[in-house]
mmCIF file of all heavy atoms, coordinates in Angstrom:
data_MODEL
# 
_entry.id   MODEL 
# 
loop_
_atom_site.group_PDB 
_atom_site.id 
_atom_site.type_symbol 
_atom_site.label_atom_id 
_atom_site.label_alt_id 
_atom_site.label_comp_id 
_atom_site.label_asym_id 
_atom_site.label_entity_id 
_atom_site.label_seq_id 
_atom_site.pdbx_PDB_ins_code 
_atom_site.Cartn_x 
_atom_site.Cartn_y 
_atom_site.Cartn_z 
_atom_site.occupancy 
_atom_site.B_iso_or_equiv 
_atom_site.pdbx_formal_charge 
_atom_site.auth_seq_id 
_atom_site.auth_comp_id 
_atom_site.auth_asym_id 
_atom_site.auth_atom_id 
_atom_site.pdbx_PDB_model_num 
ATOM 1   N N   . GLY A 1 1  ? 0.801  -1.208 0.000  1.00 0.00 ? 1  GLY A N   1 
ATOM 2   C CA  . GLY A 1 1  ? 0.000  0.000  0.000  1.00 0.00 ? 1  GLY A CA  1 
ATOM 3   C C   . GLY A 1 1  ? 0.836  1.261  0.000  1.00 0.00 ? 1  GLY A C   1 
ATOM 4   O O   . GLY A 1 1  ? 2.067  1.217  -0.084 1.00 0.00 ? 1  GLY A O   1 
ATOM 5   N N   . SER A 1 2  ? 0.149  2.406  0.120  1.00 0.00 ? 2  SER A N   1 
ATOM 6   C CA  . SER A 1 2  ? 0.798  3.707  0.043  1.00 0.00 ? 2  SER A CA  1 
ATOM 7   C C   . SER A 1 2  ? 0.325  4.622  1.156  1.00 0.00 ? 2  SER A C   1 
ATOM 8   O O   . SER A 1 2  ? -0.796 4.497  1.660  1.00 0.00 ? 2  SER A O   1 
ATOM 9   C CB  . SER A 1 2  ? 0.498  4.381  -1.299 1.00 0.00 ? 2  SER A CB  1 
ATOM 10  O OG  . SER A 1 2  ? 0.985  3.624  -2.392 1.00 0.00 ? 2  SER A OG  1 
ATOM 11  N N   . LEU A 1 3  ? 1.188  5.547  1.534  1.00 0.00 ? 3  LEU A N   1 
ATOM 12  C CA  . LEU A 1 3  ? 0.870  6.621  2.457  1.00 0.00 ? 3  LEU A CA  1 
ATOM 13  C C   . LEU A 1 3  ? 1.598  7.880  2.002  1.00 0.00 ? 3  LEU A C   1 
ATOM 14  O O   . LEU A 1 3  ? 2.663  7.790  1.389  1.00 0.00 ? 3  LEU A O   1 
ATOM 15  C CB  . LEU A 1 3  ? 1.302  6.295  3.889  1.00 0.00 ? 3  LEU A CB  1 
ATOM 16  C CG  . LEU A 1 3  ? 0.494  5.280  4.691  1.00 0.00 ? 3  LEU A CG  1 
ATOM 17  C CD1 . LEU A 1 3  ? 1.220  4.972  6.002  1.00 0.00 ? 3  LEU A CD1 1 
ATOM 18  C CD2 . LEU A 1 3  ? -0.905 5.794  4.973  1.00 0.00 ? 3  LEU A CD2 1 
ATOM 19  N N   . ARG A 1 4  ? 1.030  9.036  2.329  1.00 0.00 ? 4  ARG A N   1 
ATOM 20  C CA  . ARG A 1 4  ? 1.715  10.300 2.106  1.00 0.00 ? 4  ARG A CA  1 
ATOM 21  C C   . ARG A 1 4  ? 1.836  11.045 3.418  1.00 0.00 ? 4  ARG A C   1 
ATOM 22  O O   . ARG A 1 4  ? 0.829  11.364 4.054  1.00 0.00 ? 4  ARG A O   1 
ATOM 23  C CB  . ARG A 1 4  ? 0.992  11.180 1.081  1.00 0.00 ? 4  ARG A CB  1 
ATOM 24  C CG  . ARG A 1 4  ? 1.834  12.403 0.680  1.00 0.00 ? 4  ARG A CG  1 
ATOM 25  C CD  . ARG A 1 4  ? 1.144  13.309 -0.308 1.00 0.00 ? 4  ARG A CD  1 
ATOM 26  N NE  . ARG A 1 4  ? 0.127  14.133 0.318  1.00 0.00 ? 4  ARG A NE  1 
ATOM 27  C CZ  . ARG A 1 4  ? -0.286 15.311 -0.161 1.00 0.00 ? 4  ARG A CZ  1 
ATOM 28  N NH1 . ARG A 1 4  ? 0.243  15.781 -1.291 1.00 0.00 ? 4  ARG A NH1 1 
ATOM 29  N NH2 . ARG A 1 4  ? -1.234 15.983 0.463  1.00 0.00 ? 4  ARG A NH2 1 
ATOM 30  N N   . LEU A 1 5  ? 3.060  11.324 3.817  1.00 0.00 ? 5  LEU A N   1 
ATOM 31  C CA  . LEU A 1 5  ? 3.326  12.082 5.022  1.00 0.00 ? 5  LEU A CA  1 
ATOM 32  C C   . LEU A 1 5  ? 3.502  13.554 4.686  1.00 0.00 ? 5  LEU A C   1 
ATOM 33  O O   . LEU A 1 5  ? 4.042  13.899 3.640  1.00 0.00 ? 5  LEU A O   1 
ATOM 34  C CB  . LEU A 1 5  ? 4.596  11.576 5.719  1.00 0.00 ? 5  LEU A CB  1 
ATOM 35  C CG  . LEU A 1 5  ? 4.664  10.079 6.034  1.00 0.00 ? 5  LEU A CG  1 
ATOM 36  C CD1 . LEU A 1 5  ? 5.958  9.768  6.788  1.00 0.00 ? 5  LEU A CD1 1 
ATOM 37  C CD2 . LEU A 1 5  ? 3.449  9.627  6.819  1.00 0.00 ? 5  LEU A CD2 1 
ATOM 38  N N   . SER A 1 6  ? 3.058  14.421 5.594  1.00 0.00 ? 6  SER A N   1 
ATOM 39  C CA  . SER A 1 6  ? 3.211  15.855 5.435  1.00 0.00 ? 6  SER A CA  1 
ATOM 40  C C   . SER A 1 6  ? 4.018  16.417 6.592  1.00 0.00 ? 6  SER A C   1 
ATOM 41  O O   . SER A 1 6  ? 3.947  15.916 7.714  1.00 0.00 ? 6  SER A O   1 
ATOM 42  C CB  . SER A 1 6  ? 1.854  16.554 5.382  1.00 0.00 ? 6  SER A CB  1 
ATOM 43  O OG  . SER A 1 6  ? 1.113  16.136 4.257  1.00 0.00 ? 6  SER A OG  1 
ATOM 44  N N   . CYS A 1 7  ? 4.770  17.466 6.324  1.00 0.00 ? 7  CYS A N   1 
ATOM 45  C CA  . CYS A 1 7  ? 5.580  18.149 7.323  1.00 0.00 ? 7  CYS A CA  1 
ATOM 46  C C   . CYS A 1 7  ? 5.341  19.645 7.169  1.00 0.00 ? 7  CYS A C   1 
ATOM 47  O O   . CYS A 1 7  ? 5.785  20.247 6.188  1.00 0.00 ? 7  CYS A O   1 
ATOM 48  C CB  . CYS A 1 7  ? 7.055  17.802 7.135  1.00 0.00 ? 7  CYS A CB  1 
ATOM 49  S SG  . CYS A 1 7  ? 8.193  18.731 8.170  1.00 0.00 ? 7  CYS A SG  1 
ATOM 50  N N   . GLU A 1 8  ? 4.641  20.235 8.126  1.00 0.00 ? 8  GLU A N   1 
ATOM 51  C CA  . GLU A 1 8  ? 4.316  21.658 8.077  1.00 0.00 ? 8  GLU A CA  1 
ATOM 52  C C   . GLU A 1 8  ? 5.183  22.431 9.063  1.00 0.00 ? 8  GLU A C   1 
ATOM 53  O O   . GLU A 1 8  ? 5.187  22.122 10.257 1.00 0.00 ? 8  GLU A O   1 
ATOM 54  C CB  . GLU A 1 8  ? 2.839  21.878 8.387  1.00 0.00 ? 8  GLU A CB  1 
ATOM 55  C CG  . GLU A 1 8  ? 1.898  21.239 7.397  1.00 0.00 ? 8  GLU A CG  1 
ATOM 56  C CD  . GLU A 1 8  ? 0.445  21.551 7.682  1.00 0.00 ? 8  GLU A CD  1 
ATOM 57  O OE1 . GLU A 1 8  ? 0.177  22.479 8.477  1.00 0.00 ? 8  GLU A OE1 1 
ATOM 58  O OE2 . GLU A 1 8  ? -0.428 20.873 7.103  1.00 0.00 ? 8  GLU A OE2 1 
ATOM 59  N N   . ALA A 1 9  ? 5.899  23.412 8.558  1.00 0.00 ? 9  ALA A N   1 
ATOM 60  C CA  . ALA A 1 9  ? 6.692  24.306 9.385  1.00 0.00 ? 9  ALA A CA  1 
ATOM 61  C C   . ALA A 1 9  ? 5.986  25.652 9.495  1.00 0.00 ? 9  ALA A C   1 
ATOM 62  O O   . ALA A 1 9  ? 5.461  26.160 8.505  1.00 0.00 ? 9  ALA A O   1 
ATOM 63  C CB  . ALA A 1 9  ? 8.094  24.493 8.810  1.00 0.00 ? 9  ALA A CB  1 
ATOM 64  N N   . SER A 1 10 ? 5.974  26.220 10.685 1.00 0.00 ? 10 SER A N   1 
ATOM 65  C CA  . SER A 1 10 ? 5.312  27.495 10.901 1.00 0.00 ? 10 SER A CA  1 
ATOM 66  C C   . SER A 1 10 ? 6.147  28.355 11.832 1.00 0.00 ? 10 SER A C   1 
ATOM 67  O O   . SER A 1 10 ? 7.013  27.859 12.547 1.00 0.00 ? 10 SER A O   1 
ATOM 68  C CB  . SER A 1 10 ? 3.907  27.297 11.472 1.00 0.00 ? 10 SER A CB  1 
ATOM 69  O OG  . SER A 1 10 ? 3.957  26.623 12.717 1.00 0.00 ? 10 SER A OG  1 
ATOM 70  N N   . GLY A 1 11 ? 5.874  29.650 11.821 1.00 0.00 ? 11 GLY A N   1 
ATOM 71  C CA  . GLY A 1 11 ? 6.595  30.588 12.652 1.00 0.00 ? 11 GLY A CA  1 
ATOM 72  C C   . GLY A 1 11 ? 7.270  31.664 11.823 1.00 0.00 ? 11 GLY A C   1 
ATOM 73  O O   . GLY A 1 11 ? 6.903  31.920 10.682 1.00 0.00 ? 11 GLY A O   1 
ATOM 74  N N   . SER A 1 12 ? 8.280  32.289 12.398 1.00 0.00 ? 12 SER A N   1 
ATOM 75  C CA  . SER A 1 12 ? 8.991  33.390 11.747 1.00 0.00 ? 12 SER A CA  1 
ATOM 76  C C   . SER A 1 12 ? 10.060 32.842 10.802 1.00 0.00 ? 12 SER A C   1 
ATOM 77  O O   . SER A 1 12 ? 11.259 32.899 11.082 1.00 0.00 ? 12 SER A O   1 
ATOM 78  C CB  . SER A 1 12 ? 9.598  34.321 12.794 1.00 0.00 ? 12 SER A CB  1 
ATOM 79  O OG  . SER A 1 12 ? 10.453 33.601 13.684 1.00 0.00 ? 12 SER A OG  1 
ATOM 80  N N   . ILE A 1 13 ? 9.621  32.325 9.663  1.00 0.00 ? 13 ILE A N   1 
ATOM 81  C CA  . ILE A 1 13 ? 10.488 31.637 8.711  1.00 0.00 ? 13 ILE A CA  1 
ATOM 82  C C   . ILE A 1 13 ? 10.791 32.530 7.518  1.00 0.00 ? 13 ILE A C   1 
ATOM 83  O O   . ILE A 1 13 ? 9.883  33.008 6.851  1.00 0.00 ? 13 ILE A O   1 
ATOM 84  C CB  . ILE A 1 13 ? 9.841  30.332 8.235  1.00 0.00 ? 13 ILE A CB  1 
ATOM 85  C CG1 . ILE A 1 13 ? 9.639  29.377 9.411  1.00 0.00 ? 13 ILE A CG1 1 
ATOM 86  C CG2 . ILE A 1 13 ? 10.692 29.675 7.146  1.00 0.00 ? 13 ILE A CG2 1 
ATOM 87  C CD1 . ILE A 1 13 ? 8.804  28.165 9.075  1.00 0.00 ? 13 ILE A CD1 1 
ATOM 88  N N   . ALA A 1 14 ? 12.079 32.716 7.250  1.00 0.00 ? 14 ALA A N   1 
ATOM 89  C CA  . ALA A 1 14 ? 12.507 33.401 6.041  1.00 0.00 ? 14 ALA A CA  1 
ATOM 90  C C   . ALA A 1 14 ? 12.690 32.419 4.887  1.00 0.00 ? 14 ALA A C   1 
ATOM 91  O O   . ALA A 1 14 ? 12.289 32.697 3.760  1.00 0.00 ? 14 ALA A O   1 
ATOM 92  C CB  . ALA A 1 14 ? 13.799 34.178 6.284  1.00 0.00 ? 14 ALA A CB  1 
ATOM 93  N N   . SER A 1 15 ? 13.301 31.267 5.175  1.00 0.00 ? 15 SER A N   1 
ATOM 94  C CA  . SER A 1 15 ? 13.504 30.240 4.168  1.00 0.00 ? 15 SER A CA  1 
ATOM 95  C C   . SER A 1 15 ? 13.821 28.924 4.855  1.00 0.00 ? 15 SER A C   1 
ATOM 96  O O   . SER A 1 15 ? 14.244 28.895 6.003  1.00 0.00 ? 15 SER A O   1 
ATOM 97  C CB  . SER A 1 15 ? 14.632 30.617 3.195  1.00 0.00 ? 15 SER A CB  1 
ATOM 98  O OG  . SER A 1 15 ? 15.870 30.712 3.876  1.00 0.00 ? 15 SER A OG  1 
ATOM 99  N N   . ILE A 1 16 ? 13.616 27.835 4.122  1.00 0.00 ? 16 ILE A N   1 
ATOM 100 C CA  . ILE A 1 16 ? 13.969 26.498 4.583  1.00 0.00 ? 16 ILE A CA  1 
ATOM 101 C C   . ILE A 1 16 ? 14.947 25.920 3.579  1.00 0.00 ? 16 ILE A C   1 
ATOM 102 O O   . ILE A 1 16 ? 14.578 25.661 2.433  1.00 0.00 ? 16 ILE A O   1 
ATOM 103 C CB  . ILE A 1 16 ? 12.732 25.600 4.714  1.00 0.00 ? 16 ILE A CB  1 
ATOM 104 C CG1 . ILE A 1 16 ? 11.734 26.204 5.698  1.00 0.00 ? 16 ILE A CG1 1 
ATOM 105 C CG2 . ILE A 1 16 ? 13.143 24.191 5.146  1.00 0.00 ? 16 ILE A CG2 1 
ATOM 106 C CD1 . ILE A 1 16 ? 10.430 25.445 5.800  1.00 0.00 ? 16 ILE A CD1 1 
ATOM 107 N N   . THR A 1 17 ? 16.185 25.720 3.991  1.00 0.00 ? 17 THR A N   1 
ATOM 108 C CA  . THR A 1 17 ? 17.204 25.256 3.062  1.00 0.00 ? 17 THR A CA  1 
ATOM 109 C C   . THR A 1 17 ? 17.097 23.754 2.800  1.00 0.00 ? 17 THR A C   1 
ATOM 110 O O   . THR A 1 17 ? 17.240 23.312 1.664  1.00 0.00 ? 17 THR A O   1 
ATOM 111 C CB  . THR A 1 17 ? 18.611 25.584 3.571  1.00 0.00 ? 17 THR A CB  1 
ATOM 112 O OG1 . THR A 1 17 ? 18.786 25.067 4.889  1.00 0.00 ? 17 THR A OG1 1 
ATOM 113 C CG2 . THR A 1 17 ? 18.830 27.098 3.596  1.00 0.00 ? 17 THR A CG2 1 
ATOM 114 N N   . PHE A 1 18 ? 16.844 22.967 3.823  1.00 0.00 ? 18 PHE A N   1 
ATOM 115 C CA  . PHE A 1 18 ? 16.700 21.523 3.693  1.00 0.00 ? 18 PHE A CA  1 
ATOM 116 C C   . PHE A 1 18 ? 15.468 21.058 4.450  1.00 0.00 ? 18 PHE A C   1 
ATOM 117 O O   . PHE A 1 18 ? 15.145 21.575 5.519  1.00 0.00 ? 18 PHE A O   1 
ATOM 118 C CB  . PHE A 1 18 ? 17.921 20.771 4.242  1.00 0.00 ? 18 PHE A CB  1 
ATOM 119 C CG  . PHE A 1 18 ? 19.195 21.012 3.494  1.00 0.00 ? 18 PHE A CG  1 
ATOM 120 C CD1 . PHE A 1 18 ? 20.084 21.984 3.913  1.00 0.00 ? 18 PHE A CD1 1 
ATOM 121 C CD2 . PHE A 1 18 ? 19.507 20.260 2.378  1.00 0.00 ? 18 PHE A CD2 1 
ATOM 122 C CE1 . PHE A 1 18 ? 21.265 22.203 3.229  1.00 0.00 ? 18 PHE A CE1 1 
ATOM 123 C CE2 . PHE A 1 18 ? 20.682 20.471 1.680  1.00 0.00 ? 18 PHE A CE2 1 
ATOM 124 C CZ  . PHE A 1 18 ? 21.559 21.442 2.107  1.00 0.00 ? 18 PHE A CZ  1 
ATOM 125 N N   . MET A 1 19 ? 14.801 20.063 3.890  1.00 0.00 ? 19 MET A N   1 
ATOM 126 C CA  . MET A 1 19 ? 13.781 19.320 4.604  1.00 0.00 ? 19 MET A CA  1 
ATOM 127 C C   . MET A 1 19 ? 14.108 17.846 4.450  1.00 0.00 ? 19 MET A C   1 
ATOM 128 O O   . MET A 1 19 ? 14.410 17.390 3.349  1.00 0.00 ? 19 MET A O   1 
ATOM 129 C CB  . MET A 1 19 ? 12.379 19.609 4.086  1.00 0.00 ? 19 MET A CB  1 
ATOM 130 C CG  . MET A 1 19 ? 11.966 21.064 4.215  1.00 0.00 ? 19 MET A CG  1 
ATOM 131 S SD  . MET A 1 19 ? 10.187 21.338 3.963  1.00 0.00 ? 19 MET A SD  1 
ATOM 132 C CE  . MET A 1 19 ? 9.547  20.794 5.557  1.00 0.00 ? 19 MET A CE  1 
ATOM 133 N N   . ALA A 1 20 ? 14.077 17.122 5.548  1.00 0.00 ? 20 ALA A N   1 
ATOM 134 C CA  . ALA A 1 20 ? 14.482 15.724 5.538  1.00 0.00 ? 20 ALA A CA  1 
ATOM 135 C C   . ALA A 1 20 ? 13.498 14.878 6.327  1.00 0.00 ? 20 ALA A C   1 
ATOM 136 O O   . ALA A 1 20 ? 12.838 15.359 7.244  1.00 0.00 ? 20 ALA A O   1 
ATOM 137 C CB  . ALA A 1 20 ? 15.885 15.569 6.125  1.00 0.00 ? 20 ALA A CB  1 
ATOM 138 N N   . TRP A 1 21 ? 13.434 13.612 5.958  1.00 0.00 ? 21 TRP A N   1 
ATOM 139 C CA  . TRP A 1 21 ? 12.661 12.630 6.691  1.00 0.00 ? 21 TRP A CA  1 
ATOM 140 C C   . TRP A 1 21 ? 13.601 11.572 7.250  1.00 0.00 ? 21 TRP A C   1 
ATOM 141 O O   . TRP A 1 21 ? 14.457 11.048 6.532  1.00 0.00 ? 21 TRP A O   1 
ATOM 142 C CB  . TRP A 1 21 ? 11.616 11.957 5.804  1.00 0.00 ? 21 TRP A CB  1 
ATOM 143 C CG  . TRP A 1 21 ? 10.480 12.852 5.448  1.00 0.00 ? 21 TRP A CG  1 
ATOM 144 C CD1 . TRP A 1 21 ? 10.347 13.626 4.334  1.00 0.00 ? 21 TRP A CD1 1 
ATOM 145 C CD2 . TRP A 1 21 ? 9.299  13.067 6.220  1.00 0.00 ? 21 TRP A CD2 1 
ATOM 146 N NE1 . TRP A 1 21 ? 9.161  14.310 4.358  1.00 0.00 ? 21 TRP A NE1 1 
ATOM 147 C CE2 . TRP A 1 21 ? 8.495  13.987 5.508  1.00 0.00 ? 21 TRP A CE2 1 
ATOM 148 C CE3 . TRP A 1 21 ? 8.832  12.569 7.441  1.00 0.00 ? 21 TRP A CE3 1 
ATOM 149 C CZ2 . TRP A 1 21 ? 7.253  14.421 5.984  1.00 0.00 ? 21 TRP A CZ2 1 
ATOM 150 C CZ3 . TRP A 1 21 ? 7.607  13.004 7.912  1.00 0.00 ? 21 TRP A CZ3 1 
ATOM 151 C CH2 . TRP A 1 21 ? 6.838  13.917 7.183  1.00 0.00 ? 21 TRP A CH2 1 
ATOM 152 N N   . TYR A 1 22 ? 13.434 11.269 8.524  1.00 0.00 ? 22 TYR A N   1 
ATOM 153 C CA  . TYR A 1 22 ? 14.130 10.196 9.206  1.00 0.00 ? 22 TYR A CA  1 
ATOM 154 C C   . TYR A 1 22 ? 13.100 9.194  9.708  1.00 0.00 ? 22 TYR A C   1 
ATOM 155 O O   . TYR A 1 22 ? 11.918 9.507  9.832  1.00 0.00 ? 22 TYR A O   1 
ATOM 156 C CB  . TYR A 1 22 ? 14.933 10.722 10.391 1.00 0.00 ? 22 TYR A CB  1 
ATOM 157 C CG  . TYR A 1 22 ? 16.108 11.606 10.033 1.00 0.00 ? 22 TYR A CG  1 
ATOM 158 C CD1 . TYR A 1 22 ? 15.924 12.945 9.698  1.00 0.00 ? 22 TYR A CD1 1 
ATOM 159 C CD2 . TYR A 1 22 ? 17.403 11.102 10.051 1.00 0.00 ? 22 TYR A CD2 1 
ATOM 160 C CE1 . TYR A 1 22 ? 16.994 13.759 9.379  1.00 0.00 ? 22 TYR A CE1 1 
ATOM 161 C CE2 . TYR A 1 22 ? 18.483 11.910 9.741  1.00 0.00 ? 22 TYR A CE2 1 
ATOM 162 C CZ  . TYR A 1 22 ? 18.275 13.234 9.407  1.00 0.00 ? 22 TYR A CZ  1 
ATOM 163 O OH  . TYR A 1 22 ? 19.353 14.038 9.100  1.00 0.00 ? 22 TYR A OH  1 
ATOM 164 N N   . ARG A 1 23 ? 13.556 7.993  10.025 1.00 0.00 ? 23 ARG A N   1 
ATOM 165 C CA  . ARG A 1 23 ? 12.682 7.013  10.640 1.00 0.00 ? 23 ARG A CA  1 
ATOM 166 C C   . ARG A 1 23 ? 13.458 6.179  11.649 1.00 0.00 ? 23 ARG A C   1 
ATOM 167 O O   . ARG A 1 23 ? 14.672 6.036  11.557 1.00 0.00 ? 23 ARG A O   1 
ATOM 168 C CB  . ARG A 1 23 ? 12.025 6.101  9.605  1.00 0.00 ? 23 ARG A CB  1 
ATOM 169 C CG  . ARG A 1 23 ? 12.981 5.138  8.909  1.00 0.00 ? 23 ARG A CG  1 
ATOM 170 C CD  . ARG A 1 23 ? 12.255 4.356  7.821  1.00 0.00 ? 23 ARG A CD  1 
ATOM 171 N NE  . ARG A 1 23 ? 13.136 3.425  7.137  1.00 0.00 ? 23 ARG A NE  1 
ATOM 172 C CZ  . ARG A 1 23 ? 12.806 2.736  6.051  1.00 0.00 ? 23 ARG A CZ  1 
ATOM 173 N NH1 . ARG A 1 23 ? 11.591 2.880  5.520  1.00 0.00 ? 23 ARG A NH1 1 
ATOM 174 N NH2 . ARG A 1 23 ? 13.668 1.900  5.487  1.00 0.00 ? 23 ARG A NH2 1 
ATOM 175 N N   . GLN A 1 24 ? 12.718 5.641  12.604 1.00 0.00 ? 24 GLN A N   1 
ATOM 176 C CA  . GLN A 1 24 ? 13.297 4.743  13.579 1.00 0.00 ? 24 GLN A CA  1 
ATOM 177 C C   . GLN A 1 24 ? 12.354 3.557  13.757 1.00 0.00 ? 24 GLN A C   1 
ATOM 178 O O   . GLN A 1 24 ? 11.246 3.709  14.270 1.00 0.00 ? 24 GLN A O   1 
ATOM 179 C CB  . GLN A 1 24 ? 13.536 5.434  14.921 1.00 0.00 ? 24 GLN A CB  1 
ATOM 180 C CG  . GLN A 1 24 ? 14.273 4.570  15.927 1.00 0.00 ? 24 GLN A CG  1 
ATOM 181 C CD  . GLN A 1 24 ? 14.784 5.356  17.114 1.00 0.00 ? 24 GLN A CD  1 
ATOM 182 O OE1 . GLN A 1 24 ? 14.392 6.498  17.337 1.00 0.00 ? 24 GLN A OE1 1 
ATOM 183 N NE2 . GLN A 1 24 ? 15.670 4.757  17.884 1.00 0.00 ? 24 GLN A NE2 1 
ATOM 184 N N   . GLY A 1 25 ? 12.790 2.390  13.309 1.00 0.00 ? 25 GLY A N   1 
ATOM 185 C CA  . GLY A 1 25 ? 12.006 1.176  13.451 1.00 0.00 ? 25 GLY A CA  1 
ATOM 186 C C   . GLY A 1 25 ? 12.204 0.543  14.810 1.00 0.00 ? 25 GLY A C   1 
ATOM 187 O O   . GLY A 1 25 ? 13.099 0.923  15.568 1.00 0.00 ? 25 GLY A O   1 
ATOM 188 N N   . PRO A 1 26 ? 11.374 -0.448 15.153 1.00 0.00 ? 26 PRO A N   1 
ATOM 189 C CA  . PRO A 1 26 ? 11.493 -1.134 16.445 1.00 0.00 ? 26 PRO A CA  1 
ATOM 190 C C   . PRO A 1 26 ? 12.877 -1.750 16.626 1.00 0.00 ? 26 PRO A C   1 
ATOM 191 O O   . PRO A 1 26 ? 13.336 -2.521 15.776 1.00 0.00 ? 26 PRO A O   1 
ATOM 192 C CB  . PRO A 1 26 ? 10.417 -2.212 16.376 1.00 0.00 ? 26 PRO A CB  1 
ATOM 193 C CG  . PRO A 1 26 ? 9.439  -1.709 15.358 1.00 0.00 ? 26 PRO A CG  1 
ATOM 194 C CD  . PRO A 1 26 ? 10.273 -0.983 14.344 1.00 0.00 ? 26 PRO A CD  1 
# 
């Protein structure tokens, strides 16, 4: 199957240079 994850950043942001996803399995 499939899933789509979202990552929303908020606050006093001028720019976001990198966005990354990490995971930790059991």
